[in-house]
PDB file of N, CA and C in Angstrom:
ATOM      1  N   MET A   1      -4.028  -1.727 -12.795  1.00  0.00           N
ATOM      2  CA  MET A   1      -3.302  -2.549 -11.857  1.00  0.00           C
ATOM      3  C   MET A   1      -2.822  -3.837 -12.621  1.00  0.00           C
ATOM      4  N   ARG A   2      -1.633  -4.279 -12.314  1.00  0.00           N
ATOM      5  CA  ARG A   2      -1.153  -5.490 -12.753  1.00  0.00           C
ATOM      6  C   ARG A   2      -1.761  -6.641 -11.862  1.00  0.00           C
ATOM      7  N   VAL A   3      -1.591  -7.921 -12.346  1.00  0.00           N
ATOM      8  CA  VAL A   3      -2.104  -9.065 -11.611  1.00  0.00           C
ATOM      9  C   VAL A   3      -1.405  -9.211 -10.409  1.00  0.00           C
ATOM     10  N   THR A   4      -0.131  -8.657 -10.292  1.00  0.00           N
ATOM     11  CA  THR A   4       0.666  -8.823  -9.139  1.00  0.00           C
ATOM     12  C   THR A   4       0.500  -7.688  -8.177  1.00  0.00           C
ATOM     13  N   ASP A   5      -0.440  -6.811  -8.380  1.00  0.00           N
ATOM     14  CA  ASP A   5      -0.791  -5.656  -7.471  1.00  0.00           C
ATOM     15  C   ASP A   5      -1.927  -6.069  -6.556  1.00  0.00           C
ATOM     16  N   PHE A   6      -1.896  -5.516  -5.317  1.00  0.00           N
ATOM     17  CA  PHE A   6      -2.909  -5.765  -4.331  1.00  0.00           C
ATOM     18  C   PHE A   6      -3.386  -4.360  -3.826  1.00  0.00           C
ATOM     19  N   ARG A   7      -4.684  -4.286  -3.648  1.00  0.00           N
ATOM     20  CA  ARG A   7      -5.253  -3.038  -3.225  1.00  0.00           C
ATOM     21  C   ARG A   7      -5.627  -3.239  -1.782  1.00  0.00           C
ATOM     22  N   MET A   8      -4.939  -2.424  -0.829  1.00  0.00           N
ATOM     23  CA  MET A   8      -5.172  -2.573   0.561  1.00  0.00           C
ATOM     24  C   MET A   8      -6.027  -1.331   1.020  1.00  0.00           C
ATOM     25  N   VAL A   9      -7.170  -1.641   1.713  1.00  0.00           N
ATOM     26  CA  VAL A   9      -7.980  -0.527   2.024  1.00  0.00           C
ATOM     27  C   VAL A   9      -8.357  -0.749   3.590  1.00  0.00           C
ATOM     28  N   PHE A  10      -8.014   0.262   4.348  1.00  0.00           N
ATOM     29  CA  PHE A  10      -8.328   0.232   5.826  1.00  0.00           C
ATOM     30  C   PHE A  10      -9.527   1.150   6.033  1.00  0.00           C
ATOM     31  N   THR A  11     -10.493   0.636   6.814  1.00  0.00           N
ATOM     32  CA  THR A  11     -11.705   1.461   7.081  1.00  0.00           C
ATOM     33  C   THR A  11     -11.829   1.763   8.571  1.00  0.00           C
ATOM     34  N   LYS A  12     -12.440   2.822   8.854  1.00  0.00           N
ATOM     35  CA  LYS A  12     -12.691   3.196  10.291  1.00  0.00           C
ATOM     36  C   LYS A  12     -13.838   2.412  10.880  1.00  0.00           C
ATOM     37  N   TYR A  13     -14.109   2.476  12.142  1.00  0.00           N
ATOM     38  CA  TYR A  13     -15.164   1.612  12.769  1.00  0.00           C
ATOM     39  C   TYR A  13     -16.526   1.934  12.054  1.00  0.00           C
ATOM     40  N   ASP A  14     -16.783   3.113  11.613  1.00  0.00           N
ATOM     41  CA  ASP A  14     -18.091   3.380  10.953  1.00  0.00           C
ATOM     42  C   ASP A  14     -18.123   2.964   9.544  1.00  0.00           C
ATOM     43  N   GLY A  15     -17.109   2.381   9.020  1.00  0.00           N
ATOM     44  CA  GLY A  15     -16.947   1.885   7.627  1.00  0.00           C
ATOM     45  C   GLY A  15     -16.469   2.900   6.522  1.00  0.00           C
ATOM     46  N   SER A  16     -16.109   4.080   7.044  1.00  0.00           N
ATOM     47  CA  SER A  16     -15.607   5.096   6.141  1.00  0.00           C
ATOM     48  C   SER A  16     -14.186   4.783   5.826  1.00  0.00           C
ATOM     49  N   ARG A  17     -13.755   5.260   4.683  1.00  0.00           N
ATOM     50  CA  ARG A  17     -12.386   4.950   4.272  1.00  0.00           C
ATOM     51  C   ARG A  17     -11.356   5.637   5.092  1.00  0.00           C
ATOM     52  N   HIS A  18     -10.265   4.906   5.339  1.00  0.00           N
ATOM     53  CA  HIS A  18      -9.053   5.438   6.068  1.00  0.00           C
ATOM     54  C   HIS A  18      -7.905   5.335   5.093  1.00  0.00           C
ATOM     55  N   TRP A  19      -6.902   4.697   5.495  1.00  0.00           N
ATOM     56  CA  TRP A  19      -5.686   4.658   4.538  1.00  0.00           C
ATOM     57  C   TRP A  19      -6.017   3.586   3.411  1.00  0.00           C
ATOM     58  N   HIS A  20      -5.474   3.896   2.213  1.00  0.00           N
ATOM     59  CA  HIS A  20      -5.660   2.882   1.104  1.00  0.00           C
ATOM     60  C   HIS A  20      -4.514   3.152   0.102  1.00  0.00           C
ATOM     61  N   GLU A  21      -4.091   1.965  -0.345  1.00  0.00           N
ATOM     62  CA  GLU A  21      -2.894   2.029  -1.303  1.00  0.00           C
ATOM     63  C   GLU A  21      -2.866   0.765  -2.120  1.00  0.00           C
ATOM     64  N   THR A  22      -2.014   0.851  -3.157  1.00  0.00           N
ATOM     65  CA  THR A  22      -1.791  -0.387  -4.002  1.00  0.00           C
ATOM     66  C   THR A  22      -0.352  -0.898  -3.594  1.00  0.00           C
ATOM     67  N   LEU A  23      -0.257  -2.155  -3.296  1.00  0.00           N
ATOM     68  CA  LEU A  23       0.972  -2.781  -2.934  1.00  0.00           C
ATOM     69  C   LEU A  23       1.347  -3.804  -4.002  1.00  0.00           C
ATOM     70  N   GLU A  24       2.649  -4.100  -4.073  1.00  0.00           N
ATOM     71  CA  GLU A  24       3.062  -5.021  -5.134  1.00  0.00           C
ATOM     72  C   GLU A  24       3.559  -6.379  -4.417  1.00  0.00           C
ATOM     73  N   LEU A  25       3.364  -7.376  -5.243  1.00  0.00           N
ATOM     74  CA  LEU A  25       3.813  -8.734  -4.859  1.00  0.00           C
ATOM     75  C   LEU A  25       5.369  -8.751  -4.725  1.00  0.00           C
ATOM     76  N   LEU A  26       5.900  -9.166  -3.625  1.00  0.00           N
ATOM     77  CA  LEU A  26       7.318  -9.297  -3.438  1.00  0.00           C
ATOM     78  C   LEU A  26       7.766 -10.737  -3.614  1.00  0.00           C
ATOM     79  N   GLY A  27       6.897 -11.621  -3.248  1.00  0.00           N
ATOM     80  CA  GLY A  27       7.238 -13.083  -3.392  1.00  0.00           C
ATOM     81  C   GLY A  27       6.279 -13.924  -2.547  1.00  0.00           C
ATOM     82  N   GLU A  28       6.504 -15.165  -2.552  1.00  0.00           N
ATOM     83  CA  GLU A  28       5.648 -16.138  -1.891  1.00  0.00           C
ATOM     84  C   GLU A  28       6.556 -17.249  -1.376  1.00  0.00           C
ATOM     85  N   ASP A  29       6.219 -17.742  -0.154  1.00  0.00           N
ATOM     86  CA  ASP A  29       6.952 -18.866   0.435  1.00  0.00           C
ATOM     87  C   ASP A  29       5.987 -19.623   1.259  1.00  0.00           C
ATOM     88  N   GLN A  30       6.579 -20.521   2.148  1.00  0.00           N
ATOM     89  CA  GLN A  30       5.692 -21.421   2.933  1.00  0.00           C
ATOM     90  C   GLN A  30       4.882 -20.621   3.930  1.00  0.00           C
ATOM     91  N   HIS A  31       5.214 -19.381   4.256  1.00  0.00           N
ATOM     92  CA  HIS A  31       4.465 -18.517   5.150  1.00  0.00           C
ATOM     93  C   HIS A  31       3.357 -17.716   4.466  1.00  0.00           C
ATOM     94  N   GLY A  32       3.346 -17.565   3.203  1.00  0.00           N
ATOM     95  CA  GLY A  32       2.280 -16.939   2.460  1.00  0.00           C
ATOM     96  C   GLY A  32       2.843 -15.892   1.497  1.00  0.00           C
ATOM     97  N   LEU A  33       2.039 -14.930   1.239  1.00  0.00           N
ATOM     98  CA  LEU A  33       2.477 -13.868   0.236  1.00  0.00           C
ATOM     99  C   LEU A  33       3.142 -12.815   0.907  1.00  0.00           C
ATOM    100  N   TRP A  34       4.155 -12.176   0.275  1.00  0.00           N
ATOM    101  CA  TRP A  34       4.884 -11.015   0.840  1.00  0.00           C
ATOM    102  C   TRP A  34       4.503  -9.836  -0.145  1.00  0.00           C
ATOM    103  N   ILE A  35       4.009  -8.745   0.410  1.00  0.00           N
ATOM    104  CA  ILE A  35       3.601  -7.613  -0.273  1.00  0.00           C
ATOM    105  C   ILE A  35       4.264  -6.353   0.308  1.00  0.00           C
ATOM    106  N   GLY A  36       4.513  -5.357  -0.565  1.00  0.00           N
ATOM    107  CA  GLY A  36       5.069  -4.166   0.041  1.00  0.00           C
ATOM    108  C   GLY A  36       4.962  -2.914  -0.882  1.00  0.00           C
ATOM    109  N   ALA A  37       5.390  -1.816  -0.506  1.00  0.00           N
ATOM    110  CA  ALA A  37       5.338  -0.582  -1.273  1.00  0.00           C
ATOM    111  C   ALA A  37       6.811  -0.055  -1.447  1.00  0.00           C
ATOM    112  N   SER A  38       7.135   0.255  -2.607  1.00  0.00           N
ATOM    113  CA  SER A  38       8.448   0.776  -2.833  1.00  0.00           C
ATOM    114  C   SER A  38       8.438   2.342  -2.780  1.00  0.00           C
ATOM    115  N   SER A  39       9.650   2.945  -2.772  1.00  0.00           N
ATOM    116  CA  SER A  39       9.721   4.456  -2.736  1.00  0.00           C
ATOM    117  C   SER A  39       8.957   4.981  -3.949  1.00  0.00           C
ATOM    118  N   GLY A  40       8.349   6.022  -3.829  1.00  0.00           N
ATOM    119  CA  GLY A  40       7.570   6.610  -4.875  1.00  0.00           C
ATOM    120  C   GLY A  40       6.184   6.129  -4.976  1.00  0.00           C
ATOM    121  N   SER A  41       5.777   5.124  -4.239  1.00  0.00           N
ATOM    122  CA  SER A  41       4.352   4.578  -4.162  1.00  0.00           C
ATOM    123  C   SER A  41       3.449   5.633  -3.658  1.00  0.00           C
ATOM    124  N   VAL A  42       2.272   5.525  -3.896  1.00  0.00           N
ATOM    125  CA  VAL A  42       1.250   6.534  -3.572  1.00  0.00           C
ATOM    126  C   VAL A  42       0.327   5.962  -2.494  1.00  0.00           C
ATOM    127  N   ILE A  43       0.102   6.684  -1.399  1.00  0.00           N
ATOM    128  CA  ILE A  43      -0.827   6.125  -0.332  1.00  0.00           C
ATOM    129  C   ILE A  43      -1.825   7.438  -0.114  1.00  0.00           C
ATOM    130  N   GLN A  44      -2.964   7.057   0.295  1.00  0.00           N
ATOM    131  CA  GLN A  44      -3.972   8.060   0.511  1.00  0.00           C
ATOM    132  C   GLN A  44      -4.837   7.812   1.737  1.00  0.00           C
ATOM    133  N   ARG A  45      -5.132   8.853   2.420  1.00  0.00           N
ATOM    134  CA  ARG A  45      -6.002   8.767   3.624  1.00  0.00           C
ATOM    135  C   ARG A  45      -7.402   9.335   3.367  1.00  0.00           C
ATOM    136  N   GLY A  46      -8.327   8.396   3.357  1.00  0.00           N
ATOM    137  CA  GLY A  46      -9.748   8.826   3.033  1.00  0.00           C
ATOM    138  C   GLY A  46      -9.802   9.554   1.622  1.00  0.00           C
ATOM    139  N   ASP A  47     -10.361  10.721   1.594  1.00  0.00           N
ATOM    140  CA  ASP A  47     -10.595  11.444   0.406  1.00  0.00           C
ATOM    141  C   ASP A  47      -9.465  12.579   0.336  1.00  0.00           C
ATOM    142  N   GLU A  48      -8.478  12.630   1.214  1.00  0.00           N
ATOM    143  CA  GLU A  48      -7.508  13.603   1.247  1.00  0.00           C
ATOM    144  C   GLU A  48      -6.550  13.409  -0.033  1.00  0.00           C
ATOM    145  N   PRO A  49      -5.819  14.482  -0.308  1.00  0.00           N
ATOM    146  CA  PRO A  49      -4.789  14.342  -1.486  1.00  0.00           C
ATOM    147  C   PRO A  49      -3.897  13.157  -1.259  1.00  0.00           C
ATOM    148  N   PRO A  50      -3.477  12.490  -2.414  1.00  0.00           N
ATOM    149  CA  PRO A  50      -2.531  11.357  -2.299  1.00  0.00           C
ATOM    150  C   PRO A  50      -1.183  11.829  -1.765  1.00  0.00           C
ATOM    151  N   ILE A  51      -0.469  10.947  -1.043  1.00  0.00           N
ATOM    152  CA  ILE A  51       0.921  11.170  -0.536  1.00  0.00           C
ATOM    153  C   ILE A  51       1.854  10.276  -1.275  1.00  0.00           C
ATOM    154  N   THR A  52       3.060  10.770  -1.873  1.00  0.00           N
ATOM    155  CA  THR A  52       3.949   9.906  -2.396  1.00  0.00           C
ATOM    156  C   THR A  52       5.015   9.569  -1.372  1.00  0.00           C
ATOM    157  N   LEU A  53       5.304   8.256  -1.216  1.00  0.00           N
ATOM    158  CA  LEU A  53       6.219   7.832  -0.181  1.00  0.00           C
ATOM    159  C   LEU A  53       7.662   8.328  -0.585  1.00  0.00           C
ATOM    160  N   PRO A  54       8.369   8.883   0.379  1.00  0.00           N
ATOM    161  CA  PRO A  54       9.699   9.376   0.140  1.00  0.00           C
ATOM    162  C   PRO A  54      10.749   8.184  -0.302  1.00  0.00           C
ATOM    163  N   GLN A  55      11.792   8.694  -0.946  1.00  0.00           N
ATOM    164  CA  GLN A  55      12.960   7.819  -1.167  1.00  0.00           C
ATOM    165  C   GLN A  55      13.609   7.479   0.091  1.00  0.00           C
ATOM    166  N   ARG A  56      13.882   6.208   0.371  1.00  0.00           N
ATOM    167  CA  ARG A  56      14.665   5.823   1.526  1.00  0.00           C
ATOM    168  C   ARG A  56      16.077   6.011   1.245  1.00  0.00           C
ATOM    169  N   THR A  57      16.756   6.491   2.331  1.00  0.00           N
ATOM    170  CA  THR A  57      18.286   6.631   2.158  1.00  0.00           C
ATOM    171  C   THR A  57      18.939   5.848   3.343  1.00  0.00           C
ATOM    172  N   SER A  58      20.068   5.369   3.123  1.00  0.00           N
ATOM    173  CA  SER A  58      20.786   4.685   4.233  1.00  0.00           C
ATOM    174  C   SER A  58      21.531   5.758   5.020  1.00  0.00           C
ATOM    175  N   SER A  59      21.580   5.400   6.325  1.00  0.00           N
ATOM    176  CA  SER A  59      22.336   6.379   7.235  1.00  0.00           C
ATOM    177  C   SER A  59      23.684   5.905   7.573  1.00  0.00           C
TER     178      SER A  59
END
């Protein structure tokens, strides 16, 4: 991970892993840090296989 990457991990009530992913720093302003995931980023639920986020298309 780069220094500008953030690991976000959601857990269930019992403490088991739920969704987890690595997000990137988009910027910072007076409201705080802005983080996000771009197309092609990988997200995973618990121990299930990773999911690659699809490419966004404009409509």
